[in-house]
C-alpha cells in the first residue's frame, strides 16, 4: 500500500453549452437538487446554481459564452441596483447577465469607493502610444530597440 498517494486533479475551466443545458434540464425536469447534480457531474454546487439562475433569467442566452467589456455607466447601474434593492452580488450578476464570477461586482464596488465613478472607466489595454513610438520606426519594428528593452 502506498502511504503517499498521488492525486491528480483536472480542472475544466469552461463547459460546453450543451452540457450546461443538460444539467439545467435535469434540475428542471427531474426535480433533482443542485447538490445532487453537482456531485453527479463533478461540479461545484454554486456553479450549478449559477447556470440554473442564468437559464431562468435569460433562457439559453444565459448559458452561452459571453465576451464583454462593461462601460463605467453599466457598472454604476449594476452597483446602484445592488445597493438600492439590497441584492447580493450573485443576484445582481444573474439579473444583469454579468458572466464569469460574481466577484466582478466586488472589484467594481472597491473601485467606486476608492476613486468614485471615474474609477469604473475601463483601463486601456496594450502598450501606450509612447511605448509604440519607442519601438516603431516608419511603421516597422526596430528589433535592436526591442531587444534592448526586453
C-alpha atoms as a PDB file:
ATOM      1  CA  UNK A   1       0.000   0.000   0.000  1.00  0.00           C
ATOM      2  CA  UNK A   2       1.271   3.422  -0.972  1.00  0.00           C
ATOM      3  CA  UNK A   3       1.488   5.653   2.083  1.00  0.00           C
ATOM      4  CA  UNK A   4       1.996   8.766  -0.047  1.00  0.00           C
ATOM      5  CA  UNK A   5      -0.693   8.574  -2.707  1.00  0.00           C
ATOM      6  CA  UNK A   6      -0.554  10.979  -5.590  1.00  0.00           C
ATOM      7  CA  UNK A   7      -3.739  12.759  -6.554  1.00  0.00           C
ATOM      8  CA  UNK A   8      -4.177  14.235  -9.960  1.00  0.00           C
ATOM      9  CA  UNK A   9      -6.912  16.802 -10.311  1.00  0.00           C
ATOM     10  CA  UNK A  10      -8.048  18.172 -13.632  1.00  0.00           C
ATOM     11  CA  UNK A  11      -9.874  21.475 -13.665  1.00  0.00           C
ATOM     12  CA  UNK A  12     -12.158  22.238 -16.548  1.00  0.00           C
ATOM     13  CA  UNK A  13     -12.430  25.988 -16.785  1.00  0.00           C
ATOM     14  CA  UNK A  14     -15.076  26.070 -19.491  1.00  0.00           C
ATOM     15  CA  UNK A  15     -18.082  23.889 -20.129  1.00  0.00           C
ATOM     16  CA  UNK A  16     -19.938  23.439 -23.377  1.00  0.00           C
ATOM     17  CA  UNK A  17     -23.363  24.999 -23.668  1.00  0.00           C
ATOM     18  CA  UNK A  18     -24.904  21.566 -24.329  1.00  0.00           C
ATOM     19  CA  UNK A  19     -23.515  20.231 -21.043  1.00  0.00           C
ATOM     20  CA  UNK A  20     -24.807  23.222 -19.094  1.00  0.00           C
ATOM     21  CA  UNK A  21     -28.235  22.766 -20.683  1.00  0.00           C
ATOM     22  CA  UNK A  22     -28.221  19.061 -19.785  1.00  0.00           C
ATOM     23  CA  UNK A  23     -27.560  19.880 -16.130  1.00  0.00           C
ATOM     24  CA  UNK A  24     -30.207  22.618 -16.059  1.00  0.00           C
ATOM     25  CA  UNK A  25     -32.803  20.362 -17.707  1.00  0.00           C
ATOM     26  CA  UNK A  26     -32.082  17.579 -15.236  1.00  0.00           C
ATOM     27  CA  UNK A  27     -32.799  20.029 -12.446  1.00  0.00           C
ATOM     28  CA  UNK A  28     -35.980  21.400 -14.003  1.00  0.00           C
ATOM     29  CA  UNK A  29     -37.472  18.207 -15.468  1.00  0.00           C
ATOM     30  CA  UNK A  30     -36.407  15.671 -12.889  1.00  0.00           C
ATOM     31  CA  UNK A  31     -36.542  17.932  -9.835  1.00  0.00           C
ATOM     32  CA  UNK A  32     -33.006  16.904  -8.960  1.00  0.00           C
ATOM     33  CA  UNK A  33     -31.387  19.097  -6.317  1.00  0.00           C
ATOM     34  CA  UNK A  34     -28.370  21.236  -7.083  1.00  0.00           C
ATOM     35  CA  UNK A  35     -26.184  19.360  -4.613  1.00  0.00           C
ATOM     36  CA  UNK A  36     -27.053  16.012  -6.179  1.00  0.00           C
ATOM     37  CA  UNK A  37     -26.401  17.364  -9.670  1.00  0.00           C
ATOM     38  CA  UNK A  38     -23.094  18.873  -8.613  1.00  0.00           C
ATOM     39  CA  UNK A  39     -21.951  15.561  -7.147  1.00  0.00           C
ATOM     40  CA  UNK A  40     -23.232  13.563 -10.106  1.00  0.00           C
ATOM     41  CA  UNK A  41     -21.323  15.693 -12.617  1.00  0.00           C
ATOM     42  CA  UNK A  42     -18.281  16.600 -10.511  1.00  0.00           C
ATOM     43  CA  UNK A  43     -19.198  20.289 -10.318  1.00  0.00           C
ATOM     44  CA  UNK A  44     -19.287  22.932  -7.653  1.00  0.00           C
ATOM     45  CA  UNK A  45     -22.835  23.458  -6.366  1.00  0.00           C
ATOM     46  CA  UNK A  46     -22.520  27.241  -6.805  1.00  0.00           C
ATOM     47  CA  UNK A  47     -21.729  26.681 -10.493  1.00  0.00           C
ATOM     48  CA  UNK A  48     -24.876  24.583 -10.935  1.00  0.00           C
ATOM     49  CA  UNK A  49     -26.953  27.249  -9.174  1.00  0.00           C
ATOM     50  CA  UNK A  50     -25.463  29.991 -11.388  1.00  0.00           C
ATOM     51  CA  UNK A  51     -26.339  28.045 -14.548  1.00  0.00           C
ATOM     52  CA  UNK A  52     -29.902  27.404 -13.361  1.00  0.00           C
ATOM     53  CA  UNK A  53     -30.487  31.032 -12.383  1.00  0.00           C
ATOM     54  CA  UNK A  54     -28.897  32.280 -15.614  1.00  0.00           C
ATOM     55  CA  UNK A  55     -31.177  30.000 -17.630  1.00  0.00           C
ATOM     56  CA  UNK A  56     -34.278  31.047 -15.694  1.00  0.00           C
ATOM     57  CA  UNK A  57     -33.474  34.748 -16.111  1.00  0.00           C
ATOM     58  CA  UNK A  58     -32.131  34.814 -19.701  1.00  0.00           C
ATOM     59  CA  UNK A  59     -33.023  31.464 -21.302  1.00  0.00           C
ATOM     60  CA  UNK A  60     -30.409  29.728 -23.438  1.00  0.00           C
ATOM     61  CA  UNK A  61     -28.517  33.046 -23.732  1.00  0.00           C
ATOM     62  CA  UNK A  62     -27.798  32.775 -20.016  1.00  0.00           C
ATOM     63  CA  UNK A  63     -25.722  29.638 -20.680  1.00  0.00           C
ATOM     64  CA  UNK A  64     -23.772  30.910 -23.685  1.00  0.00           C
ATOM     65  CA  UNK A  65     -20.255  32.224 -23.562  1.00  0.00           C
ATOM     66  CA  UNK A  66     -20.207  35.964 -23.332  1.00  0.00           C
ATOM     67  CA  UNK A  67     -17.217  38.138 -24.014  1.00  0.00           C
ATOM     68  CA  UNK A  68     -17.941  41.590 -22.711  1.00  0.00           C
ATOM     69  CA  UNK A  69     -16.297  44.738 -21.606  1.00  0.00           C
ATOM     70  CA  UNK A  70     -18.584  46.799 -19.442  1.00  0.00           C
ATOM     71  CA  UNK A  71     -18.823  50.567 -19.578  1.00  0.00           C
ATOM     72  CA  UNK A  72     -18.496  52.702 -16.462  1.00  0.00           C
ATOM     73  CA  UNK A  73     -22.161  53.646 -16.846  1.00  0.00           C
ATOM     74  CA  UNK A  74     -23.225  49.986 -16.869  1.00  0.00           C
ATOM     75  CA  UNK A  75     -21.044  49.180 -13.831  1.00  0.00           C
ATOM     76  CA  UNK A  76     -22.543  52.102 -11.918  1.00  0.00           C
ATOM     77  CA  UNK A  77     -26.078  50.999 -12.853  1.00  0.00           C
ATOM     78  CA  UNK A  78     -25.310  47.497 -11.543  1.00  0.00           C
ATOM     79  CA  UNK A  79     -23.860  48.815  -8.287  1.00  0.00           C
ATOM     80  CA  UNK A  80     -26.718  51.262  -7.696  1.00  0.00           C
ATOM     81  CA  UNK A  81     -29.276  48.488  -8.270  1.00  0.00           C
ATOM     82  CA  UNK A  82     -27.410  46.206  -5.885  1.00  0.00           C
ATOM     83  CA  UNK A  83     -27.326  48.865  -3.155  1.00  0.00           C
ATOM     84  CA  UNK A  84     -30.875  50.200  -3.699  1.00  0.00           C
ATOM     85  CA  UNK A  85     -32.593  46.801  -3.906  1.00  0.00           C
ATOM     86  CA  UNK A  86     -30.312  45.172  -1.308  1.00  0.00           C
ATOM     87  CA  UNK A  87     -29.322  42.386  -3.698  1.00  0.00           C
ATOM     88  CA  UNK A  88     -26.408  40.025  -3.325  1.00  0.00           C
ATOM     89  CA  UNK A  89     -23.579  40.093  -5.840  1.00  0.00           C
ATOM     90  CA  UNK A  90     -24.745  36.743  -7.192  1.00  0.00           C
ATOM     91  CA  UNK A  91     -28.293  38.045  -7.651  1.00  0.00           C
ATOM     92  CA  UNK A  92     -27.040  41.127  -9.486  1.00  0.00           C
ATOM     93  CA  UNK A  93     -24.742  39.010 -11.684  1.00  0.00           C
ATOM     94  CA  UNK A  94     -27.726  36.913 -12.772  1.00  0.00           C
ATOM     95  CA  UNK A  95     -30.056  39.884 -13.157  1.00  0.00           C
ATOM     96  CA  UNK A  96     -27.653  41.868 -15.361  1.00  0.00           C
ATOM     97  CA  UNK A  97     -26.112  38.809 -17.048  1.00  0.00           C
ATOM     98  CA  UNK A  98     -22.578  39.530 -15.856  1.00  0.00           C
ATOM     99  CA  UNK A  99     -20.688  36.347 -16.675  1.00  0.00           C
ATOM    100  CA  UNK A 100     -17.748  34.720 -15.053  1.00  0.00           C
ATOM    101  CA  UNK A 101     -17.532  35.279 -11.365  1.00  0.00           C
ATOM    102  CA  UNK A 102     -19.738  37.465  -9.202  1.00  0.00           C
ATOM    103  CA  UNK A 103     -16.524  38.870  -7.739  1.00  0.00           C
ATOM    104  CA  UNK A 104     -16.544  41.431 -10.570  1.00  0.00           C
ATOM    105  CA  UNK A 105     -19.090  43.396  -8.559  1.00  0.00           C
ATOM    106  CA  UNK A 106     -16.770  43.350  -5.539  1.00  0.00           C
ATOM    107  CA  UNK A 107     -13.993  44.774  -7.695  1.00  0.00           C
ATOM    108  CA  UNK A 108     -16.307  47.429  -9.140  1.00  0.00           C
ATOM    109  CA  UNK A 109     -17.522  48.316  -5.656  1.00  0.00           C
ATOM    110  CA  UNK A 110     -13.963  48.669  -4.358  1.00  0.00           C
ATOM    111  CA  UNK A 111     -13.030  50.819  -7.366  1.00  0.00           C
ATOM    112  CA  UNK A 112     -16.057  53.047  -6.786  1.00  0.00           C
ATOM    113  CA  UNK A 113     -15.349  53.531  -3.077  1.00  0.00           C
ATOM    114  CA  UNK A 114     -11.675  54.342  -3.636  1.00  0.00           C
ATOM    115  CA  UNK A 115     -11.943  56.512  -6.753  1.00  0.00           C
ATOM    116  CA  UNK A 116     -15.563  57.403  -7.401  1.00  0.00           C
ATOM    117  CA  UNK A 117     -17.430  56.828 -10.670  1.00  0.00           C
ATOM    118  CA  UNK A 118     -14.337  57.746 -12.723  1.00  0.00           C
ATOM    119  CA  UNK A 119     -12.535  54.691 -11.319  1.00  0.00           C
ATOM    120  CA  UNK A 120     -15.079  52.453 -13.090  1.00  0.00           C
ATOM    121  CA  UNK A 121     -13.835  53.553 -16.525  1.00  0.00           C
ATOM    122  CA  UNK A 122     -12.228  50.696 -18.468  1.00  0.00           C
ATOM    123  CA  UNK A 123      -8.449  50.786 -18.460  1.00  0.00           C
ATOM    124  CA  UNK A 124      -6.697  50.992 -21.830  1.00  0.00           C
ATOM    125  CA  UNK A 125      -5.104  47.732 -22.938  1.00  0.00           C
ATOM    126  CA  UNK A 126      -1.854  47.167 -24.745  1.00  0.00           C
ATOM    127  CA  UNK A 127       1.214  49.354 -24.967  1.00  0.00           C
ATOM    128  CA  UNK A 128       0.938  53.107 -24.616  1.00  0.00           C
ATOM    129  CA  UNK A 129       1.478  55.411 -27.603  1.00  0.00           C
ATOM    130  CA  UNK A 130       4.880  56.343 -26.213  1.00  0.00           C
ATOM    131  CA  UNK A 131       5.933  52.702 -25.960  1.00  0.00           C
ATOM    132  CA  UNK A 132       4.833  52.172 -29.562  1.00  0.00           C
ATOM    133  CA  UNK A 133       6.779  55.244 -30.700  1.00  0.00           C
ATOM    134  CA  UNK A 134       9.899  53.935 -28.983  1.00  0.00           C
ATOM    135  CA  UNK A 135       9.688  50.605 -30.814  1.00  0.00           C
ATOM    136  CA  UNK A 136       8.352  51.658 -34.215  1.00  0.00           C
ATOM    137  CA  UNK A 137      10.349  53.306 -36.985  1.00  0.00           C
ATOM    138  CA  UNK A 138       8.270  54.361 -40.011  1.00  0.00           C
ATOM    139  CA  UNK A 139       5.758  51.586 -39.413  1.00  0.00           C
ATOM    140  CA  UNK A 140       8.343  48.821 -38.958  1.00  0.00           C
ATOM    141  CA  UNK A 141       9.606  47.259 -35.777  1.00  0.00           C
ATOM    142  CA  UNK A 142      13.114  48.249 -34.733  1.00  0.00           C
ATOM    143  CA  UNK A 143      14.427  44.889 -33.463  1.00  0.00           C
ATOM    144  CA  UNK A 144      17.568  46.420 -31.898  1.00  0.00           C
ATOM    145  CA  UNK A 145      15.495  48.652 -29.585  1.00  0.00           C
ATOM    146  CA  UNK A 146      13.077  45.828 -28.853  1.00  0.00           C
ATOM    147  CA  UNK A 147      15.905  43.537 -27.727  1.00  0.00           C
ATOM    148  CA  UNK A 148      17.388  46.249 -25.519  1.00  0.00           C
ATOM    149  CA  UNK A 149      14.025  46.915 -23.844  1.00  0.00           C
ATOM    150  CA  UNK A 150      13.353  43.198 -23.238  1.00  0.00           C
END
